[in-house]
Amino acid sequence: MTRDIRVPLNDIPVTGINERIDNQINQRFESVMRAIMQLQARTLLEPRSIPPYKPYDGQVELADGVGWDPLGLGGEYLCYYWQGEWRSILDDRHLDITPPDYIEDPHQQYWHKVLDPAWMHLHFEDFNTPKTVTNGQIITNYTGNIVSDWQLTSDPVAGTVVISDTGLKPQTGVYHFSVSGYLAAEKNSSYVITMYRDGAPTVLRCPMVFGANTEDSSFVFSGVGYTDTPCTLDLRLEVGASVNISTIFWSMHRVSPIAGTPGIEISGDLTAPPLPPDWNAHGGQP
């Protein structure tokens, strides 16, 4: 049901009764006209504890979240009526319905979206006691984990990042990946650090070749990819006997909540390309 009510306003005075009654009627009309003009100029919503008796399509209300909570969110929130049901005015795919604390959100005085920038950052740094990672092993026990409540789920101990697509905070979409660090390994050897998705290697790989005079080196690799399904990611040593990692920084930042095809597909071909035929000539151990 739709409704469009417009109130015509005019300044034609009432005359013909007598001057005193005419003035009284005109004064009352002027008061009503000013009140209607103020209502037409702005809308003031008060929290409702009971639903409207006969809502119409496009009607906006402020639910108190206690006596009346049509969306089951709790607390006061705006909603609108459309095609037989009450719906949230806020986009419920990429937002946090509850404002975080002042450290994360300096604008608690109004609702706002926390749209695309889902992100996480795992890091490890210890030059005195590097972590040893063997072939096929997940890089675990990061010493730092930077995320927010509405961001990616990361486990620094397990060394995993989970991208989910449930609830009010779906995390699938297009991501920029970046991994960098510093490691030591045997001379005349080759290594590959690879990002794995649900236990399978992806095309996000960082190959390293150590010569006769090199036993430590920095490394960095990055890429753009997307996933439109939930998944679990981790970093592993795919090629090489073992390495000693002194620092590693793994960051992921969503650049769009919509899955697309800019660059490397994460949810497409997950099989890593074969190493070049001469890889073993550099001491590689695939």
C-alpha atoms as a PDB file:
ATOM      1  CA  MET A   1       0.000   0.000   0.000  1.00  0.00           C
ATOM      2  CA  THR A   2       1.333   3.423  -0.889  1.00  0.00           C
ATOM      3  CA  ARG A   3       0.241   6.804   0.329  1.00  0.00           C
ATOM      4  CA  ASP A   4       1.033  10.343  -0.808  1.00  0.00           C
ATOM      5  CA  ILE A   5      -0.574  13.099   1.222  1.00  0.00           C
ATOM      6  CA  ARG A   6       0.125  16.706   0.333  1.00  0.00           C
ATOM      7  CA  VAL A   7      -1.274  19.572   2.381  1.00  0.00           C
ATOM      8  CA  PRO A   8      -2.234  22.655   0.339  1.00  0.00           C
ATOM      9  CA  LEU A   9      -1.345  25.912   2.071  1.00  0.00           C
ATOM     10  CA  ASN A  10      -2.694  29.347   1.167  1.00  0.00           C
ATOM     11  CA  ASP A  11      -3.113  32.735   2.723  1.00  0.00           C
ATOM     12  CA  ILE A  12      -6.706  33.483   1.711  1.00  0.00           C
ATOM     13  CA  PRO A  13      -8.320  35.006   4.856  1.00  0.00           C
ATOM     14  CA  VAL A  14     -11.722  34.038   6.195  1.00  0.00           C
ATOM     15  CA  THR A  15     -14.203  36.933   5.969  1.00  0.00           C
ATOM     16  CA  GLY A  16     -17.939  37.492   6.165  1.00  0.00           C
ATOM     17  CA  ILE A  17     -18.874  36.428   9.687  1.00  0.00           C
ATOM     18  CA  ASN A  18     -17.814  39.406  11.789  1.00  0.00           C
ATOM     19  CA  GLU A  19     -14.468  41.031  12.313  1.00  0.00           C
ATOM     20  CA  ARG A  20     -13.759  39.515  15.746  1.00  0.00           C
ATOM     21  CA  ILE A  21     -14.638  35.916  14.763  1.00  0.00           C
ATOM     22  CA  ASP A  22     -12.924  36.322  11.400  1.00  0.00           C
ATOM     23  CA  ASN A  23      -9.684  37.362  13.148  1.00  0.00           C
ATOM     24  CA  GLN A  24      -9.865  34.469  15.626  1.00  0.00           C
ATOM     25  CA  ILE A  25     -10.387  31.901  12.846  1.00  0.00           C
ATOM     26  CA  ASN A  26      -7.587  33.386  10.727  1.00  0.00           C
ATOM     27  CA  GLN A  27      -5.187  33.380  13.696  1.00  0.00           C
ATOM     28  CA  ARG A  28      -5.935  29.698  14.328  1.00  0.00           C
ATOM     29  CA  PHE A  29      -5.409  28.910  10.627  1.00  0.00           C
ATOM     30  CA  GLU A  30      -2.074  30.714  10.697  1.00  0.00           C
ATOM     31  CA  SER A  31      -0.934  28.692  13.724  1.00  0.00           C
ATOM     32  CA  VAL A  32      -1.926  25.426  12.050  1.00  0.00           C
ATOM     33  CA  MET A  33      -0.240  26.507   8.818  1.00  0.00           C
ATOM     34  CA  ARG A  34       3.046  27.289  10.607  1.00  0.00           C
ATOM     35  CA  ALA A  35       2.960  23.920  12.384  1.00  0.00           C
ATOM     36  CA  ILE A  36       2.313  22.067   9.132  1.00  0.00           C
ATOM     37  CA  MET A  37       5.122  23.950   7.393  1.00  0.00           C
ATOM     38  CA  GLN A  38       7.542  22.950  10.160  1.00  0.00           C
ATOM     39  CA  LEU A  39       6.479  19.303   9.838  1.00  0.00           C
ATOM     40  CA  GLN A  40       6.940  19.431   6.085  1.00  0.00           C
ATOM     41  CA  ALA A  41      10.389  20.996   6.510  1.00  0.00           C
ATOM     42  CA  ARG A  42      11.741  18.286   8.809  1.00  0.00           C
ATOM     43  CA  THR A  43      10.925  14.843  10.160  1.00  0.00           C
ATOM     44  CA  LEU A  44      11.341  14.018  13.834  1.00  0.00           C
ATOM     45  CA  LEU A  45      11.207  10.331  14.768  1.00  0.00           C
ATOM     46  CA  GLU A  46      10.599   9.125  18.299  1.00  0.00           C
ATOM     47  CA  PRO A  47      11.318   5.535  19.376  1.00  0.00           C
ATOM     48  CA  ARG A  48       8.264   3.325  19.061  1.00  0.00           C
ATOM     49  CA  SER A  49       7.497   0.540  21.504  1.00  0.00           C
ATOM     50  CA  ILE A  50       4.629  -0.818  19.384  1.00  0.00           C
ATOM     51  CA  PRO A  51       4.405  -1.183  15.588  1.00  0.00           C
ATOM     52  CA  PRO A  52       2.246   1.173  13.512  1.00  0.00           C
ATOM     53  CA  TYR A  53      -1.334  -0.063  13.124  1.00  0.00           C
ATOM     54  CA  LYS A  54      -1.450   0.141   9.325  1.00  0.00           C
ATOM     55  CA  PRO A  55       2.061   0.688   7.905  1.00  0.00           C
ATOM     56  CA  TYR A  56       2.439   1.717   4.287  1.00  0.00           C
ATOM     57  CA  ASP A  57       5.241   1.108   1.785  1.00  0.00           C
ATOM     58  CA  GLY A  58       8.101   3.546   2.369  1.00  0.00           C
ATOM     59  CA  GLN A  59       7.115   4.382   5.957  1.00  0.00           C
ATOM     60  CA  VAL A  60      10.175   5.046   8.144  1.00  0.00           C
ATOM     61  CA  GLU A  61      10.100   4.389  11.880  1.00  0.00           C
ATOM     62  CA  LEU A  62      12.509   4.315  14.808  1.00  0.00           C
ATOM     63  CA  ALA A  63      12.094   1.031  16.705  1.00  0.00           C
ATOM     64  CA  ASP A  64      13.012   1.109  20.371  1.00  0.00           C
ATOM     65  CA  GLY A  65      14.379  -2.450  20.149  1.00  0.00           C
ATOM     66  CA  VAL A  66      12.619  -3.459  23.375  1.00  0.00           C
ATOM     67  CA  GLY A  67       8.850  -3.307  23.061  1.00  0.00           C
ATOM     68  CA  TRP A  68       9.089  -3.336  19.283  1.00  0.00           C
ATOM     69  CA  ASP A  69      12.047  -5.030  17.611  1.00  0.00           C
ATOM     70  CA  PRO A  70      10.941  -6.091  14.083  1.00  0.00           C
ATOM     71  CA  LEU A  71      14.468  -7.044  12.955  1.00  0.00           C
ATOM     72  CA  GLY A  72      15.586  -8.666  16.207  1.00  0.00           C
ATOM     73  CA  LEU A  73      18.626  -6.390  16.559  1.00  0.00           C
ATOM     74  CA  GLY A  74      18.046  -4.987  20.038  1.00  0.00           C
ATOM     75  CA  GLY A  75      18.499  -1.299  20.832  1.00  0.00           C
ATOM     76  CA  GLU A  76      17.127   1.611  18.855  1.00  0.00           C
ATOM     77  CA  TYR A  77      17.466   1.522  15.062  1.00  0.00           C
ATOM     78  CA  LEU A  78      15.842   2.922  11.934  1.00  0.00           C
ATOM     79  CA  CYS A  79      13.763   0.680   9.706  1.00  0.00           C
ATOM     80  CA  TYR A  80      11.336   1.065   6.832  1.00  0.00           C
ATOM     81  CA  TYR A  81       8.277  -0.841   5.647  1.00  0.00           C
ATOM     82  CA  TRP A  82       8.235  -2.388   2.180  1.00  0.00           C
ATOM     83  CA  GLN A  83       6.066  -5.085   0.619  1.00  0.00           C
ATOM     84  CA  GLY A  84       4.703  -6.524   3.825  1.00  0.00           C
ATOM     85  CA  GLU A  85       7.826  -6.442   6.017  1.00  0.00           C
ATOM     86  CA  TRP A  86      10.071  -4.113   8.007  1.00  0.00           C
ATOM     87  CA  ARG A  87      13.610  -3.792   6.646  1.00  0.00           C
ATOM     88  CA  SER A  88      16.836  -2.191   7.835  1.00  0.00           C
ATOM     89  CA  ILE A  89      17.702   1.186   6.314  1.00  0.00           C
ATOM     90  CA  LEU A  90      21.398   0.343   6.665  1.00  0.00           C
ATOM     91  CA  ASP A  91      23.093  -1.973   4.173  1.00  0.00           C
ATOM     92  CA  ASP A  92      23.405  -5.229   6.099  1.00  0.00           C
ATOM     93  CA  ARG A  93      26.083  -6.823   3.896  1.00  0.00           C
ATOM     94  CA  HIS A  94      29.130  -4.796   4.911  1.00  0.00           C
ATOM     95  CA  LEU A  95      28.654  -2.919   8.172  1.00  0.00           C
ATOM     96  CA  ASP A  96      28.888  -3.324  11.881  1.00  0.00           C
ATOM     97  CA  ILE A  97      25.427  -2.826  13.313  1.00  0.00           C
ATOM     98  CA  THR A  98      26.902  -1.864  16.712  1.00  0.00           C
ATOM     99  CA  PRO A  99      29.368   1.049  16.748  1.00  0.00           C
ATOM    100  CA  PRO A 100      32.752  -0.043  18.181  1.00  0.00           C
ATOM    101  CA  ASP A 101      34.515   1.768  20.975  1.00  0.00           C
ATOM    102  CA  TYR A 102      35.993   5.233  20.625  1.00  0.00           C
ATOM    103  CA  ILE A 103      39.455   3.907  19.783  1.00  0.00           C
ATOM    104  CA  GLU A 104      38.175   2.321  16.564  1.00  0.00           C
ATOM    105  CA  ASP A 105      35.367   4.734  15.731  1.00  0.00           C
ATOM    106  CA  PRO A 106      35.589   8.452  16.573  1.00  0.00           C
ATOM    107  CA  HIS A 107      32.097   9.103  15.148  1.00  0.00           C
ATOM    108  CA  GLN A 108      29.719   7.290  17.462  1.00  0.00           C
ATOM    109  CA  GLN A 109      27.212  10.109  17.239  1.00  0.00           C
ATOM    110  CA  TYR A 110      25.817   8.656  14.019  1.00  0.00           C
ATOM    111  CA  TRP A 111      25.511   5.348  12.219  1.00  0.00           C
ATOM    112  CA  HIS A 112      27.896   4.787   9.348  1.00  0.00           C
ATOM    113  CA  LYS A 113      29.058   1.949   7.154  1.00  0.00           C
ATOM    114  CA  VAL A 114      32.359   0.179   7.596  1.00  0.00           C
ATOM    115  CA  LEU A 115      32.247  -0.861   3.975  1.00  0.00           C
ATOM    116  CA  ASP A 116      35.116  -2.240   1.943  1.00  0.00           C
ATOM    117  CA  PRO A 117      38.231  -2.067   4.134  1.00  0.00           C
ATOM    118  CA  ALA A 118      38.084  -5.520   5.694  1.00  0.00           C
ATOM    119  CA  TRP A 119      41.686  -6.288   6.596  1.00  0.00           C
ATOM    120  CA  MET A 120      44.128  -8.111   8.836  1.00  0.00           C
ATOM    121  CA  HIS A 121      47.868  -8.037   9.558  1.00  0.00           C
ATOM    122  CA  LEU A 122      49.847 -10.902  11.115  1.00  0.00           C
ATOM    123  CA  HIS A 123      53.469 -10.315  12.014  1.00  0.00           C
ATOM    124  CA  PHE A 124      56.453 -11.987  13.652  1.00  0.00           C
ATOM    125  CA  GLU A 125      59.819 -10.449  14.518  1.00  0.00           C
ATOM    126  CA  ASP A 126      62.563 -12.056  16.546  1.00  0.00           C
ATOM    127  CA  PHE A 127      66.167 -11.863  15.331  1.00  0.00           C
ATOM    128  CA  ASN A 128      67.486 -13.559  18.475  1.00  0.00           C
ATOM    129  CA  THR A 129      65.289 -16.639  18.141  1.00  0.00           C
ATOM    130  CA  PRO A 130      64.087 -17.116  14.554  1.00  0.00           C
ATOM    131  CA  LYS A 131      61.339 -19.637  13.861  1.00  0.00           C
ATOM    132  CA  THR A 132      62.337 -22.736  11.905  1.00  0.00           C
ATOM    133  CA  VAL A 133      59.916 -23.817   9.197  1.00  0.00           C
ATOM    134  CA  THR A 134      60.311 -27.153   7.448  1.00  0.00           C
ATOM    135  CA  ASN A 135      59.029 -28.283   4.054  1.00  0.00           C
ATOM    136  CA  GLY A 136      55.222 -28.332   3.890  1.00  0.00           C
ATOM    137  CA  GLN A 137      54.852 -26.766   7.316  1.00  0.00           C
ATOM    138  CA  ILE A 138      52.426 -23.898   7.972  1.00  0.00           C
ATOM    139  CA  ILE A 139      54.116 -20.754   9.259  1.00  0.00           C
ATOM    140  CA  THR A 140      52.615 -20.477  12.749  1.00  0.00           C
ATOM    141  CA  ASN A 141      53.009 -18.626  16.063  1.00  0.00           C
ATOM    142  CA  TYR A 142      52.963 -15.032  14.886  1.00  0.00           C
ATOM    143  CA  THR A 143      53.627 -12.595  17.700  1.00  0.00           C
ATOM    144  CA  GLY A 144      51.154  -9.931  16.585  1.00  0.00           C
ATOM    145  CA  ASN A 145      47.677  -9.802  15.146  1.00  0.00           C
ATOM    146  CA  ILE A 146      46.019  -6.553  14.078  1.00  0.00           C
ATOM    147  CA  VAL A 147      42.314  -6.750  13.200  1.00  0.00           C
ATOM    148  CA  SER A 148      39.048  -5.114  14.204  1.00  0.00           C
ATOM    149  CA  ASP A 149      35.831  -6.785  15.292  1.00  0.00           C
ATOM    150  CA  TRP A 150      34.256  -6.535  11.852  1.00  0.00           C
ATOM    151  CA  GLN A 151      37.368  -7.614   9.966  1.00  0.00           C
ATOM    152  CA  LEU A 152      38.912 -10.932   8.966  1.00  0.00           C
ATOM    153  CA  THR A 153      39.274 -13.727  11.482  1.00  0.00           C
ATOM    154  CA  SER A 154      42.936 -14.522  11.996  1.00  0.00           C
ATOM    155  CA  ASP A 155      44.598 -16.979  14.343  1.00  0.00           C
ATOM    156  CA  PRO A 156      48.240 -15.998  14.993  1.00  0.00           C
ATOM    157  CA  VAL A 157      49.014 -19.275  16.760  1.00  0.00           C
ATOM    158  CA  ALA A 158      47.649 -21.507  13.993  1.00  0.00           C
ATOM    159  CA  GLY A 159      48.856 -19.081  11.312  1.00  0.00           C
ATOM    160  CA  THR A 160      45.500 -19.075   9.530  1.00  0.00           C
ATOM    161  CA  VAL A 161      43.118 -16.444   8.185  1.00  0.00           C
ATOM    162  CA  VAL A 162      39.444 -17.287   7.711  1.00  0.00           C
ATOM    163  CA  ILE A 163      37.295 -15.470   5.156  1.00  0.00           C
ATOM    164  CA  SER A 164      33.626 -16.018   5.994  1.00  0.00           C
ATOM    165  CA  ASP A 165      30.412 -14.972   4.312  1.00  0.00           C
ATOM    166  CA  THR A 166      27.857 -15.187   7.088  1.00  0.00           C
ATOM    167  CA  GLY A 167      25.956 -12.781   9.307  1.00  0.00           C
ATOM    168  CA  LEU A 168      26.081  -9.020   9.036  1.00  0.00           C
ATOM    169  CA  LYS A 169      29.777  -8.873   8.184  1.00  0.00           C
ATOM    170  CA  PRO A 170      30.530 -10.945   5.062  1.00  0.00           C
ATOM    171  CA  GLN A 171      34.202 -10.839   4.117  1.00  0.00           C
ATOM    172  CA  THR A 172      34.355 -12.272   0.605  1.00  0.00           C
ATOM    173  CA  GLY A 173      35.429 -10.029  -2.234  1.00  0.00           C
ATOM    174  CA  VAL A 174      38.560  -8.693  -3.939  1.00  0.00           C
ATOM    175  CA  TYR A 175      41.726  -8.574  -1.831  1.00  0.00           C
ATOM    176  CA  HIS A 176      45.243  -7.233  -2.083  1.00  0.00           C
ATOM    177  CA  PHE A 177      47.785  -9.570  -0.476  1.00  0.00           C
ATOM    178  CA  SER A 178      51.248  -8.679   0.738  1.00  0.00           C
ATOM    179  CA  VAL A 179      53.871 -10.851   2.448  1.00  0.00           C
ATOM    180  CA  SER A 180      57.389  -9.745   3.342  1.00  0.00           C
ATOM    181  CA  GLY A 181      60.119 -10.768   5.747  1.00  0.00           C
ATOM    182  CA  TYR A 182      63.672 -11.859   6.380  1.00  0.00           C
ATOM    183  CA  LEU A 183      65.000 -15.428   6.525  1.00  0.00           C
ATOM    184  CA  ALA A 184      68.174 -17.506   6.561  1.00  0.00           C
ATOM    185  CA  ALA A 185      68.736 -20.789   4.730  1.00  0.00           C
ATOM    186  CA  GLU A 186      71.445 -22.984   3.249  1.00  0.00           C
ATOM    187  CA  LYS A 187      73.627 -21.708   0.441  1.00  0.00           C
ATOM    188  CA  ASN A 188      73.140 -23.075  -3.075  1.00  0.00           C
ATOM    189  CA  SER A 189      69.495 -23.869  -2.383  1.00  0.00           C
ATOM    190  CA  SER A 190      66.059 -22.790  -3.556  1.00  0.00           C
ATOM    191  CA  TYR A 191      62.869 -22.083  -1.637  1.00  0.00           C
ATOM    192  CA  VAL A 192      59.249 -21.175  -2.270  1.00  0.00           C
ATOM    193  CA  ILE A 193      56.838 -19.685   0.240  1.00  0.00           C
ATOM    194  CA  THR A 194      53.256 -20.182  -0.948  1.00  0.00           C
ATOM    195  CA  MET A 195      49.810 -19.090   0.159  1.00  0.00           C
ATOM    196  CA  TYR A 196      47.503 -22.088   0.592  1.00  0.00           C
ATOM    197  CA  ARG A 197      43.725 -22.003   0.332  1.00  0.00           C
ATOM    198  CA  ASP A 198      41.827 -24.760   2.153  1.00  0.00           C
ATOM    199  CA  GLY A 199      44.980 -26.869   2.120  1.00  0.00           C
ATOM    200  CA  ALA A 200      45.776 -26.438  -1.583  1.00  0.00           C
ATOM    201  CA  PRO A 201      48.574 -24.251  -3.014  1.00  0.00           C
ATOM    202  CA  THR A 202      47.555 -21.130  -4.898  1.00  0.00           C
ATOM    203  CA  VAL A 203      49.379 -19.120  -7.537  1.00  0.00           C
ATOM    204  CA  LEU A 204      50.494 -16.624  -4.867  1.00  0.00           C
ATOM    205  CA  ARG A 205      54.076 -17.842  -4.487  1.00  0.00           C
ATOM    206  CA  CYS A 206      57.432 -16.321  -3.628  1.00  0.00           C
ATOM    207  CA  PRO A 207      60.423 -18.239  -5.119  1.00  0.00           C
ATOM    208  CA  MET A 208      63.929 -17.577  -3.737  1.00  0.00           C
ATOM    209  CA  VAL A 209      67.316 -18.775  -4.987  1.00  0.00           C
ATOM    210  CA  PHE A 210      70.349 -18.690  -2.652  1.00  0.00           C
ATOM    211  CA  GLY A 211      73.759 -18.696  -4.294  1.00  0.00           C
ATOM    212  CA  ALA A 212      77.149 -19.839  -3.042  1.00  0.00           C
ATOM    213  CA  ASN A 213      77.718 -16.627  -1.095  1.00  0.00           C
ATOM    214  CA  THR A 214      74.206 -16.108   0.276  1.00  0.00           C
ATOM    215  CA  GLU A 215      72.633 -17.622   3.346  1.00  0.00           C
ATOM    216  CA  ASP A 216      70.152 -14.916   4.378  1.00  0.00           C
ATOM    217  CA  SER A 217      67.859 -12.611   2.449  1.00  0.00           C
ATOM    218  CA  SER A 218      64.754 -10.479   2.598  1.00  0.00           C
ATOM    219  CA  PHE A 219      61.709 -11.510   0.584  1.00  0.00           C
ATOM    220  CA  VAL A 220      58.468  -9.904  -0.542  1.00  0.00           C
ATOM    221  CA  PHE A 221      55.540 -10.877  -2.730  1.00  0.00           C
ATOM    222  CA  SER A 222      52.086  -9.483  -3.320  1.00  0.00           C
ATOM    223  CA  GLY A 223      49.086 -10.018  -5.529  1.00  0.00           C
ATOM    224  CA  VAL A 224      45.426  -9.265  -6.132  1.00  0.00           C
ATOM    225  CA  GLY A 225      42.768 -11.949  -6.082  1.00  0.00           C
ATOM    226  CA  TYR A 226      39.253 -12.654  -4.967  1.00  0.00           C
ATOM    227  CA  THR A 227      37.142 -15.271  -3.294  1.00  0.00           C
ATOM    228  CA  ASP A 228      33.366 -15.494  -3.488  1.00  0.00           C
ATOM    229  CA  THR A 229      33.173 -18.462  -1.122  1.00  0.00           C
ATOM    230  CA  PRO A 230      34.353 -18.927   2.483  1.00  0.00           C
ATOM    231  CA  CYS A 231      37.896 -20.259   2.813  1.00  0.00           C
ATOM    232  CA  THR A 232      40.887 -20.640   5.113  1.00  0.00           C
ATOM    233  CA  LEU A 233      44.290 -19.278   4.100  1.00  0.00           C
ATOM    234  CA  ASP A 234      47.798 -19.963   5.424  1.00  0.00           C
ATOM    235  CA  LEU A 235      51.436 -19.575   4.370  1.00  0.00           C
ATOM    236  CA  ARG A 236      53.692 -22.614   3.962  1.00  0.00           C
ATOM    237  CA  LEU A 237      57.179 -23.508   2.841  1.00  0.00           C
ATOM    238  CA  GLU A 238      56.350 -25.400  -0.348  1.00  0.00           C
ATOM    239  CA  VAL A 239      59.869 -25.931  -1.691  1.00  0.00           C
ATOM    240  CA  GLY A 240      63.056 -26.324   0.344  1.00  0.00           C
ATOM    241  CA  ALA A 241      64.178 -28.414   3.324  1.00  0.00           C
ATOM    242  CA  SER A 242      63.878 -25.705   6.011  1.00  0.00           C
ATOM    243  CA  VAL A 243      64.351 -21.990   6.617  1.00  0.00           C
ATOM    244  CA  ASN A 244      64.838 -19.803   9.685  1.00  0.00           C
ATOM    245  CA  ILE A 245      62.472 -16.841   9.625  1.00  0.00           C
ATOM    246  CA  SER A 246      63.438 -13.766  11.641  1.00  0.00           C
ATOM    247  CA  THR A 247      60.619 -11.523  10.456  1.00  0.00           C
ATOM    248  CA  ILE A 248      57.438 -12.020   8.486  1.00  0.00           C
ATOM    249  CA  PHE A 249      54.599  -9.592   7.816  1.00  0.00           C
ATOM    250  CA  TRP A 250      51.402 -10.862   6.188  1.00  0.00           C
ATOM    251  CA  SER A 251      48.725  -8.311   5.269  1.00  0.00           C
ATOM    252  CA  MET A 252      45.382  -8.601   3.487  1.00  0.00           C
ATOM    253  CA  HIS A 253      43.172  -5.669   2.555  1.00  0.00           C
ATOM    254  CA  ARG A 254      39.831  -5.854   0.760  1.00  0.00           C
ATOM    255  CA  VAL A 255      39.550  -3.362  -2.070  1.00  0.00           C
ATOM    256  CA  SER A 256      35.999  -4.328  -3.048  1.00  0.00           C
ATOM    257  CA  PRO A 257      33.270  -6.475  -1.450  1.00  0.00           C
ATOM    258  CA  ILE A 258      32.195  -7.628  -4.920  1.00  0.00           C
ATOM    259  CA  ALA A 259      33.948 -10.649  -6.422  1.00  0.00           C
ATOM    260  CA  GLY A 260      35.538  -9.862  -9.771  1.00  0.00           C
ATOM    261  CA  THR A 261      38.482 -10.833 -11.947  1.00  0.00           C
ATOM    262  CA  PRO A 262      41.217  -8.194 -11.545  1.00  0.00           C
ATOM    263  CA  GLY A 263      44.443 -10.146 -11.665  1.00  0.00           C
ATOM    264  CA  ILE A 264      44.876 -13.509  -9.987  1.00  0.00           C
ATOM    265  CA  GLU A 265      41.803 -15.582  -9.203  1.00  0.00           C
ATOM    266  CA  ILE A 266      41.797 -17.186  -5.787  1.00  0.00           C
ATOM    267  CA  SER A 267      38.495 -19.006  -6.197  1.00  0.00           C
ATOM    268  CA  GLY A 268      39.274 -20.117  -9.752  1.00  0.00           C
ATOM    269  CA  ASP A 269      42.321 -22.183 -10.721  1.00  0.00           C
ATOM    270  CA  LEU A 270      43.957 -22.989  -7.390  1.00  0.00           C
ATOM    271  CA  THR A 271      46.630 -25.281  -8.800  1.00  0.00           C
ATOM    272  CA  ALA A 272      50.046 -23.661  -8.587  1.00  0.00           C
ATOM    273  CA  PRO A 273      51.972 -23.617 -11.888  1.00  0.00           C
ATOM    274  CA  PRO A 274      54.840 -26.100 -12.206  1.00  0.00           C
ATOM    275  CA  LEU A 275      58.347 -24.988 -11.384  1.00  0.00           C
ATOM    276  CA  PRO A 276      60.663 -24.416 -14.372  1.00  0.00           C
ATOM    277  CA  PRO A 277      62.589 -27.483 -15.591  1.00  0.00           C
ATOM    278  CA  ASP A 278      65.950 -26.055 -14.496  1.00  0.00           C
ATOM    279  CA  TRP A 279      64.809 -25.324 -10.947  1.00  0.00           C
ATOM    280  CA  ASN A 280      66.801 -28.230  -9.485  1.00  0.00           C
ATOM    281  CA  ALA A 281      69.933 -26.855 -11.097  1.00  0.00           C
ATOM    282  CA  HIS A 282      69.813 -24.173  -8.423  1.00  0.00           C
ATOM    283  CA  GLY A 283      69.506 -26.693  -5.636  1.00  0.00           C
ATOM    284  CA  GLY A 284      65.694 -26.621  -5.424  1.00  0.00           C
ATOM    285  CA  GLN A 285      63.857 -29.436  -3.693  1.00  0.00           C
ATOM    286  CA  PRO A 286      60.307 -29.592  -5.160  1.00  0.00           C
END
